[in-house]
Amino acid sequence: MTWQWDDVRFFLAVARAGSLSGAARALGVGHVTVGRRIALFEKKLGVTLLNRTPDGFATTLAGQAILRECATMESAAIDLERIVAGRDSLIAGSVRVTTTEALAYQLVTPAVAALHETHPELRIDLITGVRSLDIARREADLAVRLARPSAPDLVCRKLGEVGFSLYASRRYLASAGVPRRGQGLTGFDLIAFTGAPAATSPFFMGESLEGARVALRCDNPLIQVRAAASNVGIVEAACFLGDSSPELVRVWPDEAPARRAAWLIMHPDMQRAARIKAVSSVITEAFRRQRRILEQGIAAG
């Protein structure tokens, strides 16, 4: 019996996730399929690669012996797919774009909607959230992020800057008072991220958070703004998002927004693909058109 590259893919997924269900989610298949494929792979090789433990699956000595080679095979397969895809001349097929919910709502979705009218064969898979996906492993083709990645082998183009300010409801500020700029947020309730990258710090416009209470943590900025509008506390939000909520006001309306750079990120092998160029162009143009709103907020538009 001969084994195939696809068998290695299933083995790596279980080894990394430590469970059949975690591997199934990563592979987009059912956990029964994963278990069956692992059993078949072990039968083909004549060894046991994974042992079930109370904490999940652990690689055996045989599994550990081939783990590095399997990862090398995976990297080579991904490189092959990317190099071929990067020379595609058709504006068709799928493009995976990852960004935050706020930038997806304000910038990316309207941009790709206009592109769909002229290129209906193009499909955008939009993945939102603060977690950075691996461009090199083709978890995404394009990323629009407020943190520049440290990987040196990626193409990073600065789109511009996004302004951030502190927001709260009028009711909350009437009850808790207005914090004084430069004197920290001691005693105030905050709405924060659970997993925002350190590259986007400092948070809360650089104010000291010592003595502040984190009332809610959430990685979705739209929900954060909704929580602030419901009088939960103070949130640091993109000005275009905070200004759009009629229940919110800027805590320091005379203070200029804090700005963070926005980056368009892709792998160099993919930048020549026609569909990648088309999507990156409409996102870049959309940022150019909305530059004042993105930098300063809705009032600037």
C-alpha atoms as a PDB file:
ATOM      1  CA  MET A   1       0.000   0.000   0.000  1.00  0.00           C
ATOM      2  CA  THR A   2       1.358   3.438  -0.950  1.00  0.00           C
ATOM      3  CA  TRP A   3       0.801   6.612   1.038  1.00  0.00           C
ATOM      4  CA  GLN A   4       0.161  10.105  -0.357  1.00  0.00           C
ATOM      5  CA  TRP A   5       0.893  13.694   0.635  1.00  0.00           C
ATOM      6  CA  ASP A   6      -2.702  14.106   1.764  1.00  0.00           C
ATOM      7  CA  ASP A   7      -2.089  11.488   4.486  1.00  0.00           C
ATOM      8  CA  VAL A   8       0.692  13.668   5.906  1.00  0.00           C
ATOM      9  CA  ARG A   9      -1.669  16.621   6.045  1.00  0.00           C
ATOM     10  CA  PHE A  10      -4.051  14.735   8.338  1.00  0.00           C
ATOM     11  CA  PHE A  11      -1.225  13.513  10.573  1.00  0.00           C
ATOM     12  CA  LEU A  12       0.176  17.026  10.991  1.00  0.00           C
ATOM     13  CA  ALA A  13      -3.238  18.451  11.823  1.00  0.00           C
ATOM     14  CA  VAL A  14      -3.795  15.971  14.667  1.00  0.00           C
ATOM     15  CA  ALA A  15      -0.244  16.330  15.963  1.00  0.00           C
ATOM     16  CA  ARG A  16      -0.685  20.111  16.151  1.00  0.00           C
ATOM     17  CA  ALA A  17      -4.222  20.207  17.504  1.00  0.00           C
ATOM     18  CA  GLY A  18      -3.871  17.266  19.882  1.00  0.00           C
ATOM     19  CA  SER A  19      -7.396  16.110  19.083  1.00  0.00           C
ATOM     20  CA  LEU A  20      -9.470  14.762  16.221  1.00  0.00           C
ATOM     21  CA  SER A  21     -12.036  17.542  16.588  1.00  0.00           C
ATOM     22  CA  GLY A  22      -9.393  20.285  16.496  1.00  0.00           C
ATOM     23  CA  ALA A  23      -7.792  18.741  13.431  1.00  0.00           C
ATOM     24  CA  ALA A  24     -11.205  18.390  11.795  1.00  0.00           C
ATOM     25  CA  ARG A  25     -11.903  22.098  12.262  1.00  0.00           C
ATOM     26  CA  ALA A  26      -8.533  23.014  10.765  1.00  0.00           C
ATOM     27  CA  LEU A  27      -9.065  20.704   7.785  1.00  0.00           C
ATOM     28  CA  GLY A  28     -12.750  21.450   7.267  1.00  0.00           C
ATOM     29  CA  VAL A  29     -13.856  17.821   7.535  1.00  0.00           C
ATOM     30  CA  GLY A  30     -15.592  15.633  10.120  1.00  0.00           C
ATOM     31  CA  HIS A  31     -13.676  14.141  13.056  1.00  0.00           C
ATOM     32  CA  VAL A  32     -14.680  10.630  11.959  1.00  0.00           C
ATOM     33  CA  THR A  33     -12.943  11.253   8.637  1.00  0.00           C
ATOM     34  CA  VAL A  34      -9.802  12.394  10.439  1.00  0.00           C
ATOM     35  CA  GLY A  35      -9.732   9.282  12.623  1.00  0.00           C
ATOM     36  CA  ARG A  36     -10.222   7.023   9.628  1.00  0.00           C
ATOM     37  CA  ARG A  37      -7.465   8.731   7.620  1.00  0.00           C
ATOM     38  CA  ILE A  38      -4.987   8.502  10.510  1.00  0.00           C
ATOM     39  CA  ALA A  39      -5.732   4.798  11.006  1.00  0.00           C
ATOM     40  CA  LEU A  40      -5.236   4.168   7.274  1.00  0.00           C
ATOM     41  CA  PHE A  41      -1.963   6.133   7.223  1.00  0.00           C
ATOM     42  CA  GLU A  42      -0.622   4.131  10.177  1.00  0.00           C
ATOM     43  CA  LYS A  43      -1.631   0.907   8.447  1.00  0.00           C
ATOM     44  CA  LYS A  44       0.184   1.925   5.272  1.00  0.00           C
ATOM     45  CA  LEU A  45       3.363   2.761   7.204  1.00  0.00           C
ATOM     46  CA  GLY A  46       3.071  -0.203   9.571  1.00  0.00           C
ATOM     47  CA  VAL A  47       3.651   1.916  12.715  1.00  0.00           C
ATOM     48  CA  THR A  48       1.632   3.767  15.323  1.00  0.00           C
ATOM     49  CA  LEU A  49       2.110   7.538  14.959  1.00  0.00           C
ATOM     50  CA  LEU A  50      -0.324   8.838  17.577  1.00  0.00           C
ATOM     51  CA  ASN A  51      -1.407   7.571  20.980  1.00  0.00           C
ATOM     52  CA  ARG A  52      -4.639   8.582  22.691  1.00  0.00           C
ATOM     53  CA  THR A  53      -4.031  10.011  26.184  1.00  0.00           C
ATOM     54  CA  PRO A  54      -6.373  11.538  28.794  1.00  0.00           C
ATOM     55  CA  ASP A  55      -5.340  14.968  27.470  1.00  0.00           C
ATOM     56  CA  GLY A  56      -5.775  14.136  23.784  1.00  0.00           C
ATOM     57  CA  PHE A  57      -3.451  12.659  21.171  1.00  0.00           C
ATOM     58  CA  ALA A  58       0.341  12.580  21.571  1.00  0.00           C
ATOM     59  CA  THR A  59       2.889  11.617  18.938  1.00  0.00           C
ATOM     60  CA  THR A  60       4.728   8.340  19.474  1.00  0.00           C
ATOM     61  CA  LEU A  61       8.483   7.996  18.992  1.00  0.00           C
ATOM     62  CA  ALA A  62       7.790   7.005  15.390  1.00  0.00           C
ATOM     63  CA  GLY A  63       5.530  10.027  14.950  1.00  0.00           C
ATOM     64  CA  GLN A  64       8.135  12.369  16.403  1.00  0.00           C
ATOM     65  CA  ALA A  65      10.773  10.882  14.108  1.00  0.00           C
ATOM     66  CA  ILE A  66       8.907  11.948  10.967  1.00  0.00           C
ATOM     67  CA  LEU A  67       7.286  15.157  12.249  1.00  0.00           C
ATOM     68  CA  ARG A  68       9.981  17.508  10.932  1.00  0.00           C
ATOM     69  CA  GLU A  69      10.054  15.833   7.524  1.00  0.00           C
ATOM     70  CA  CYS A  70       6.268  16.014   7.320  1.00  0.00           C
ATOM     71  CA  ALA A  71       6.373  19.742   8.094  1.00  0.00           C
ATOM     72  CA  THR A  72       9.005  20.190   5.368  1.00  0.00           C
ATOM     73  CA  MET A  73       6.733  18.385   2.903  1.00  0.00           C
ATOM     74  CA  GLU A  74       3.848  20.634   3.910  1.00  0.00           C
ATOM     75  CA  SER A  75       5.956  23.751   3.396  1.00  0.00           C
ATOM     76  CA  ALA A  76       7.055  22.559  -0.056  1.00  0.00           C
ATOM     77  CA  ALA A  77       3.474  21.763  -1.064  1.00  0.00           C
ATOM     78  CA  ILE A  78       2.274  25.196   0.066  1.00  0.00           C
ATOM     79  CA  ASP A  79       5.151  26.865  -1.817  1.00  0.00           C
ATOM     80  CA  LEU A  80       4.173  24.970  -4.967  1.00  0.00           C
ATOM     81  CA  GLU A  81       0.522  26.026  -4.693  1.00  0.00           C
ATOM     82  CA  ARG A  82       1.453  29.634  -4.017  1.00  0.00           C
ATOM     83  CA  ILE A  83       3.958  29.924  -6.853  1.00  0.00           C
ATOM     84  CA  VAL A  84       1.465  28.512  -9.357  1.00  0.00           C
ATOM     85  CA  ALA A  85      -1.381  30.667  -8.023  1.00  0.00           C
ATOM     86  CA  GLY A  86       0.833  33.740  -8.196  1.00  0.00           C
ATOM     87  CA  ARG A  87       1.090  33.392 -11.975  1.00  0.00           C
ATOM     88  CA  ASP A  88      -2.645  33.149 -12.567  1.00  0.00           C
ATOM     89  CA  SER A  89      -3.737  35.716 -15.174  1.00  0.00           C
ATOM     90  CA  LEU A  90      -7.503  35.440 -14.623  1.00  0.00           C
ATOM     91  CA  ILE A  91      -9.548  37.680 -12.326  1.00  0.00           C
ATOM     92  CA  ALA A  92     -11.562  34.705 -11.140  1.00  0.00           C
ATOM     93  CA  GLY A  93     -11.568  32.139  -8.363  1.00  0.00           C
ATOM     94  CA  SER A  94     -11.203  32.852  -4.653  1.00  0.00           C
ATOM     95  CA  VAL A  95      -9.176  35.383  -2.683  1.00  0.00           C
ATOM     96  CA  ARG A  96      -8.918  34.991   1.087  1.00  0.00           C
ATOM     97  CA  VAL A  97      -8.836  38.352   2.850  1.00  0.00           C
ATOM     98  CA  THR A  98      -8.403  38.757   6.598  1.00  0.00           C
ATOM     99  CA  THR A  99      -8.947  41.936   8.604  1.00  0.00           C
ATOM    100  CA  THR A 100     -10.693  43.242  11.704  1.00  0.00           C
ATOM    101  CA  GLU A 101     -14.485  43.436  11.893  1.00  0.00           C
ATOM    102  CA  ALA A 102     -14.382  47.239  11.924  1.00  0.00           C
ATOM    103  CA  LEU A 103     -12.180  47.563   8.826  1.00  0.00           C
ATOM    104  CA  ALA A 104     -14.197  44.855   7.078  1.00  0.00           C
ATOM    105  CA  TYR A 105     -17.384  46.816   7.734  1.00  0.00           C
ATOM    106  CA  GLN A 106     -16.094  50.274   6.804  1.00  0.00           C
ATOM    107  CA  LEU A 107     -13.497  49.556   4.127  1.00  0.00           C
ATOM    108  CA  VAL A 108     -13.105  46.058   2.718  1.00  0.00           C
ATOM    109  CA  THR A 109     -16.699  44.953   2.162  1.00  0.00           C
ATOM    110  CA  PRO A 110     -17.793  48.042   0.150  1.00  0.00           C
ATOM    111  CA  ALA A 111     -14.575  47.813  -1.894  1.00  0.00           C
ATOM    112  CA  VAL A 112     -14.999  44.176  -2.907  1.00  0.00           C
ATOM    113  CA  ALA A 113     -18.722  44.653  -3.507  1.00  0.00           C
ATOM    114  CA  ALA A 114     -17.896  47.136  -6.263  1.00  0.00           C
ATOM    115  CA  LEU A 115     -15.325  44.722  -7.678  1.00  0.00           C
ATOM    116  CA  HIS A 116     -17.922  41.931  -7.817  1.00  0.00           C
ATOM    117  CA  GLU A 117     -20.018  43.951 -10.270  1.00  0.00           C
ATOM    118  CA  THR A 118     -17.240  43.943 -12.855  1.00  0.00           C
ATOM    119  CA  HIS A 119     -15.789  40.500 -12.053  1.00  0.00           C
ATOM    120  CA  PRO A 120     -18.640  38.175 -10.988  1.00  0.00           C
ATOM    121  CA  GLU A 121     -16.386  35.107 -11.267  1.00  0.00           C
ATOM    122  CA  LEU A 122     -14.275  36.386  -8.376  1.00  0.00           C
ATOM    123  CA  ARG A 123     -15.148  35.144  -4.876  1.00  0.00           C
ATOM    124  CA  ILE A 124     -13.914  36.806  -1.689  1.00  0.00           C
ATOM    125  CA  ASP A 125     -13.528  34.704   1.444  1.00  0.00           C
ATOM    126  CA  LEU A 126     -13.526  37.350   4.170  1.00  0.00           C
ATOM    127  CA  ILE A 127     -12.091  36.229   7.516  1.00  0.00           C
ATOM    128  CA  THR A 128     -12.521  38.732  10.353  1.00  0.00           C
ATOM    129  CA  GLY A 129     -10.940  38.950  13.795  1.00  0.00           C
ATOM    130  CA  VAL A 130      -7.809  40.167  15.551  1.00  0.00           C
ATOM    131  CA  ARG A 131      -5.924  36.862  15.193  1.00  0.00           C
ATOM    132  CA  SER A 132      -3.220  37.130  12.550  1.00  0.00           C
ATOM    133  CA  LEU A 133      -3.387  34.406   9.918  1.00  0.00           C
ATOM    134  CA  ASP A 134      -0.265  32.940   8.319  1.00  0.00           C
ATOM    135  CA  ILE A 135       0.158  34.443   4.851  1.00  0.00           C
ATOM    136  CA  ALA A 136       3.121  32.166   4.042  1.00  0.00           C
ATOM    137  CA  ARG A 137       1.004  29.054   4.710  1.00  0.00           C
ATOM    138  CA  ARG A 138      -1.855  30.505   2.614  1.00  0.00           C
ATOM    139  CA  GLU A 139      -4.247  30.776   5.549  1.00  0.00           C
ATOM    140  CA  ALA A 140      -5.002  34.072   3.798  1.00  0.00           C
ATOM    141  CA  ASP A 141      -3.935  35.720   0.530  1.00  0.00           C
ATOM    142  CA  LEU A 142      -4.292  39.318   1.691  1.00  0.00           C
ATOM    143  CA  ALA A 143      -4.411  40.921   5.122  1.00  0.00           C
ATOM    144  CA  VAL A 144      -5.440  44.441   6.149  1.00  0.00           C
ATOM    145  CA  ARG A 145      -3.956  44.954   9.595  1.00  0.00           C
ATOM    146  CA  LEU A 146      -3.085  47.678  12.088  1.00  0.00           C
ATOM    147  CA  ALA A 147       0.064  45.790  13.099  1.00  0.00           C
ATOM    148  CA  ARG A 148       2.924  45.265  10.676  1.00  0.00           C
ATOM    149  CA  PRO A 149       4.086  41.617  10.748  1.00  0.00           C
ATOM    150  CA  SER A 150       7.647  40.848  11.760  1.00  0.00           C
ATOM    151  CA  ALA A 151       8.175  38.244   9.008  1.00  0.00           C
ATOM    152  CA  PRO A 152      10.745  39.716   6.577  1.00  0.00           C
ATOM    153  CA  ASP A 153       9.532  37.756   3.533  1.00  0.00           C
ATOM    154  CA  LEU A 154       6.127  39.439   3.216  1.00  0.00           C
ATOM    155  CA  VAL A 155       5.146  42.448   1.107  1.00  0.00           C
ATOM    156  CA  CYS A 156       3.769  45.186   3.393  1.00  0.00           C
ATOM    157  CA  ARG A 157       2.254  48.309   1.860  1.00  0.00           C
ATOM    158  CA  LYS A 158       1.162  51.148   4.096  1.00  0.00           C
ATOM    159  CA  LEU A 159      -2.414  52.110   3.269  1.00  0.00           C
ATOM    160  CA  GLY A 160      -2.511  55.096   5.613  1.00  0.00           C
ATOM    161  CA  GLU A 161      -3.527  55.654   9.228  1.00  0.00           C
ATOM    162  CA  VAL A 162      -6.624  54.992  11.323  1.00  0.00           C
ATOM    163  CA  GLY A 163      -7.585  57.354  14.145  1.00  0.00           C
ATOM    164  CA  PHE A 164      -8.623  56.048  17.570  1.00  0.00           C
ATOM    165  CA  SER A 165     -10.206  57.827  20.507  1.00  0.00           C
ATOM    166  CA  LEU A 166     -11.905  57.002  23.815  1.00  0.00           C
ATOM    167  CA  TYR A 167     -15.714  56.772  23.814  1.00  0.00           C
ATOM    168  CA  ALA A 168     -18.422  56.348  26.422  1.00  0.00           C
ATOM    169  CA  SER A 169     -22.141  56.952  26.710  1.00  0.00           C
ATOM    170  CA  ARG A 170     -23.381  60.262  28.078  1.00  0.00           C
ATOM    171  CA  ARG A 171     -25.107  58.350  30.847  1.00  0.00           C
ATOM    172  CA  TYR A 172     -21.905  56.602  31.913  1.00  0.00           C
ATOM    173  CA  LEU A 173     -19.882  59.819  31.975  1.00  0.00           C
ATOM    174  CA  ALA A 174     -22.639  61.606  33.904  1.00  0.00           C
ATOM    175  CA  SER A 175     -22.492  58.846  36.525  1.00  0.00           C
ATOM    176  CA  ALA A 176     -18.757  58.104  36.690  1.00  0.00           C
ATOM    177  CA  GLY A 177     -17.388  61.497  35.704  1.00  0.00           C
ATOM    178  CA  VAL A 178     -14.950  62.396  32.938  1.00  0.00           C
ATOM    179  CA  PRO A 179     -11.330  61.261  33.393  1.00  0.00           C
ATOM    180  CA  ARG A 180      -8.729  63.988  33.167  1.00  0.00           C
ATOM    181  CA  ARG A 181      -6.256  63.666  30.331  1.00  0.00           C
ATOM    182  CA  GLY A 182      -2.845  62.505  31.493  1.00  0.00           C
ATOM    183  CA  GLN A 183      -4.013  61.394  34.949  1.00  0.00           C
ATOM    184  CA  GLY A 184      -4.883  57.773  34.152  1.00  0.00           C
ATOM    185  CA  LEU A 185      -8.151  55.852  34.221  1.00  0.00           C
ATOM    186  CA  THR A 186      -8.177  54.814  37.881  1.00  0.00           C
ATOM    187  CA  GLY A 187     -11.682  53.938  39.052  1.00  0.00           C
ATOM    188  CA  PHE A 188     -13.219  53.814  35.563  1.00  0.00           C
ATOM    189  CA  ASP A 189     -14.765  50.795  33.828  1.00  0.00           C
ATOM    190  CA  LEU A 190     -13.021  49.712  30.625  1.00  0.00           C
ATOM    191  CA  ILE A 191     -14.001  47.637  27.598  1.00  0.00           C
ATOM    192  CA  ALA A 192     -10.869  45.920  26.313  1.00  0.00           C
ATOM    193  CA  PHE A 193      -9.543  43.331  23.856  1.00  0.00           C
ATOM    194  CA  THR A 194      -8.555  39.840  24.928  1.00  0.00           C
ATOM    195  CA  GLY A 195      -6.058  39.242  22.156  1.00  0.00           C
ATOM    196  CA  ALA A 196      -5.057  42.512  20.478  1.00  0.00           C
ATOM    197  CA  PRO A 197      -1.464  42.341  19.172  1.00  0.00           C
ATOM    198  CA  ALA A 198       1.169  44.207  21.169  1.00  0.00           C
ATOM    199  CA  ALA A 199       2.202  46.012  17.985  1.00  0.00           C
ATOM    200  CA  THR A 200      -0.963  48.137  18.184  1.00  0.00           C
ATOM    201  CA  SER A 201      -0.176  49.402  21.705  1.00  0.00           C
ATOM    202  CA  PRO A 202      -0.212  51.696  23.630  1.00  0.00           C
ATOM    203  CA  PHE A 203      -3.911  51.266  24.319  1.00  0.00           C
ATOM    204  CA  PHE A 204      -6.429  53.774  25.704  1.00  0.00           C
ATOM    205  CA  MET A 205      -4.439  56.632  24.192  1.00  0.00           C
ATOM    206  CA  GLY A 206      -1.467  55.903  26.421  1.00  0.00           C
ATOM    207  CA  GLU A 207      -3.292  56.514  29.707  1.00  0.00           C
ATOM    208  CA  SER A 208      -2.254  54.555  32.805  1.00  0.00           C
ATOM    209  CA  LEU A 209      -4.637  51.670  33.457  1.00  0.00           C
ATOM    210  CA  GLU A 210      -3.547  51.147  37.049  1.00  0.00           C
ATOM    211  CA  GLY A 211      -6.615  51.020  39.273  1.00  0.00           C
ATOM    212  CA  ALA A 212      -9.028  50.768  36.334  1.00  0.00           C
ATOM    213  CA  ARG A 213     -11.632  48.000  36.181  1.00  0.00           C
ATOM    214  CA  VAL A 214     -11.952  45.848  33.058  1.00  0.00           C
ATOM    215  CA  ALA A 215     -15.716  45.402  32.857  1.00  0.00           C
ATOM    216  CA  LEU A 216     -15.774  43.511  29.549  1.00  0.00           C
ATOM    217  CA  ARG A 217     -13.215  41.904  27.259  1.00  0.00           C
ATOM    218  CA  CYS A 218     -14.116  41.118  23.664  1.00  0.00           C
ATOM    219  CA  ASP A 219     -12.164  40.857  20.409  1.00  0.00           C
ATOM    220  CA  ASN A 220     -15.008  42.197  18.240  1.00  0.00           C
ATOM    221  CA  PRO A 221     -14.884  46.022  18.031  1.00  0.00           C
ATOM    222  CA  LEU A 222     -18.526  46.232  16.901  1.00  0.00           C
ATOM    223  CA  ILE A 223     -19.613  44.475  20.094  1.00  0.00           C
ATOM    224  CA  GLN A 224     -17.253  46.648  22.128  1.00  0.00           C
ATOM    225  CA  VAL A 225     -18.933  49.789  20.804  1.00  0.00           C
ATOM    226  CA  ARG A 226     -22.355  48.304  21.488  1.00  0.00           C
ATOM    227  CA  ALA A 227     -21.295  47.586  25.079  1.00  0.00           C
ATOM    228  CA  ALA A 228     -20.121  51.178  25.531  1.00  0.00           C
ATOM    229  CA  ALA A 229     -23.432  52.436  24.151  1.00  0.00           C
ATOM    230  CA  SER A 230     -25.123  50.237  26.786  1.00  0.00           C
ATOM    231  CA  ASN A 231     -23.287  52.130  29.561  1.00  0.00           C
ATOM    232  CA  VAL A 232     -20.747  49.381  30.367  1.00  0.00           C
ATOM    233  CA  GLY A 233     -17.776  51.738  30.392  1.00  0.00           C
ATOM    234  CA  ILE A 234     -15.086  53.432  28.309  1.00  0.00           C
ATOM    235  CA  VAL A 235     -13.899  51.897  25.037  1.00  0.00           C
ATOM    236  CA  GLU A 236     -11.026  52.794  22.728  1.00  0.00           C
ATOM    237  CA  ALA A 237     -12.497  52.592  19.233  1.00  0.00           C
ATOM    238  CA  ALA A 238     -11.676  53.615  15.696  1.00  0.00           C
ATOM    239  CA  CYS A 239     -13.128  57.098  15.277  1.00  0.00           C
ATOM    240  CA  PHE A 240     -15.154  56.127  12.197  1.00  0.00           C
ATOM    241  CA  LEU A 241     -16.824  53.449  14.321  1.00  0.00           C
ATOM    242  CA  GLY A 242     -17.271  55.365  17.579  1.00  0.00           C
ATOM    243  CA  ASP A 243     -18.590  58.486  15.826  1.00  0.00           C
ATOM    244  CA  SER A 244     -21.219  56.421  14.007  1.00  0.00           C
ATOM    245  CA  SER A 245     -22.930  55.443  17.277  1.00  0.00           C
ATOM    246  CA  PRO A 246     -25.402  58.186  18.351  1.00  0.00           C
ATOM    247  CA  GLU A 247     -25.303  56.939  21.956  1.00  0.00           C
ATOM    248  CA  LEU A 248     -21.556  57.587  22.270  1.00  0.00           C
ATOM    249  CA  VAL A 249     -19.461  60.705  22.696  1.00  0.00           C
ATOM    250  CA  ARG A 250     -15.724  61.180  22.689  1.00  0.00           C
ATOM    251  CA  VAL A 251     -14.388  61.309  26.238  1.00  0.00           C
ATOM    252  CA  TRP A 252     -11.978  64.084  25.199  1.00  0.00           C
ATOM    253  CA  PRO A 253     -13.635  65.745  22.190  1.00  0.00           C
ATOM    254  CA  ASP A 254     -10.879  68.361  21.823  1.00  0.00           C
ATOM    255  CA  GLU A 255      -8.111  65.758  21.806  1.00  0.00           C
ATOM    256  CA  ALA A 256      -6.681  64.712  18.423  1.00  0.00           C
ATOM    257  CA  PRO A 257      -7.145  60.991  17.707  1.00  0.00           C
ATOM    258  CA  ALA A 258      -4.267  58.590  18.277  1.00  0.00           C
ATOM    259  CA  ARG A 259      -3.239  57.181  14.911  1.00  0.00           C
ATOM    260  CA  ARG A 260      -2.159  53.676  13.970  1.00  0.00           C
ATOM    261  CA  ALA A 261      -0.770  52.646  10.601  1.00  0.00           C
ATOM    262  CA  ALA A 262      -2.872  50.325   8.435  1.00  0.00           C
ATOM    263  CA  TRP A 263      -1.026  47.794   6.290  1.00  0.00           C
ATOM    264  CA  LEU A 264      -1.924  45.713   3.243  1.00  0.00           C
ATOM    265  CA  ILE A 265       0.032  42.465   3.511  1.00  0.00           C
ATOM    266  CA  MET A 266       0.631  39.686   0.985  1.00  0.00           C
ATOM    267  CA  HIS A 267       3.237  37.094   0.012  1.00  0.00           C
ATOM    268  CA  PRO A 268       5.621  38.183  -2.788  1.00  0.00           C
ATOM    269  CA  ASP A 269       4.788  35.024  -4.780  1.00  0.00           C
ATOM    270  CA  MET A 270       1.120  36.051  -4.865  1.00  0.00           C
ATOM    271  CA  GLN A 271       1.367  39.739  -5.768  1.00  0.00           C
ATOM    272  CA  ARG A 272       1.579  38.991  -9.507  1.00  0.00           C
ATOM    273  CA  ALA A 273      -1.715  37.050  -9.606  1.00  0.00           C
ATOM    274  CA  ALA A 274      -4.377  39.049 -11.434  1.00  0.00           C
ATOM    275  CA  ARG A 275      -7.066  38.391  -8.835  1.00  0.00           C
ATOM    276  CA  ILE A 276      -4.763  39.442  -5.969  1.00  0.00           C
ATOM    277  CA  LYS A 277      -3.802  42.631  -7.813  1.00  0.00           C
ATOM    278  CA  ALA A 278      -7.468  43.408  -8.474  1.00  0.00           C
ATOM    279  CA  VAL A 279      -8.514  43.011  -4.831  1.00  0.00           C
ATOM    280  CA  SER A 280      -5.491  44.854  -3.424  1.00  0.00           C
ATOM    281  CA  SER A 281      -6.101  47.723  -5.868  1.00  0.00           C
ATOM    282  CA  VAL A 282      -9.742  48.254  -4.850  1.00  0.00           C
ATOM    283  CA  ILE A 283      -8.826  48.142  -1.142  1.00  0.00           C
ATOM    284  CA  THR A 284      -6.023  50.662  -1.683  1.00  0.00           C
ATOM    285  CA  GLU A 285      -8.317  52.965  -3.643  1.00  0.00           C
ATOM    286  CA  ALA A 286     -11.078  52.662  -1.036  1.00  0.00           C
ATOM    287  CA  PHE A 287      -8.635  53.704   1.686  1.00  0.00           C
ATOM    288  CA  ARG A 288      -7.522  56.665  -0.411  1.00  0.00           C
ATOM    289  CA  ARG A 289     -11.129  57.837  -0.886  1.00  0.00           C
ATOM    290  CA  GLN A 290     -11.965  57.464   2.807  1.00  0.00           C
ATOM    291  CA  ARG A 291      -8.642  58.739   4.165  1.00  0.00           C
ATOM    292  CA  ARG A 292     -10.080  61.674   6.155  1.00  0.00           C
ATOM    293  CA  ILE A 293     -12.851  59.594   7.733  1.00  0.00           C
ATOM    294  CA  LEU A 294     -10.464  56.774   8.611  1.00  0.00           C
ATOM    295  CA  GLU A 295      -7.931  59.169  10.130  1.00  0.00           C
ATOM    296  CA  GLN A 296     -10.293  61.555  11.949  1.00  0.00           C
ATOM    297  CA  GLY A 297     -13.760  60.013  12.149  1.00  0.00           C
ATOM    298  CA  ILE A 298     -17.194  60.541  10.662  1.00  0.00           C
ATOM    299  CA  ALA A 299     -17.266  64.267  11.452  1.00  0.00           C
ATOM    300  CA  ALA A 300     -14.261  64.710   9.153  1.00  0.00           C
ATOM    301  CA  GLY A 301     -16.181  63.325   6.191  1.00  0.00           C
END
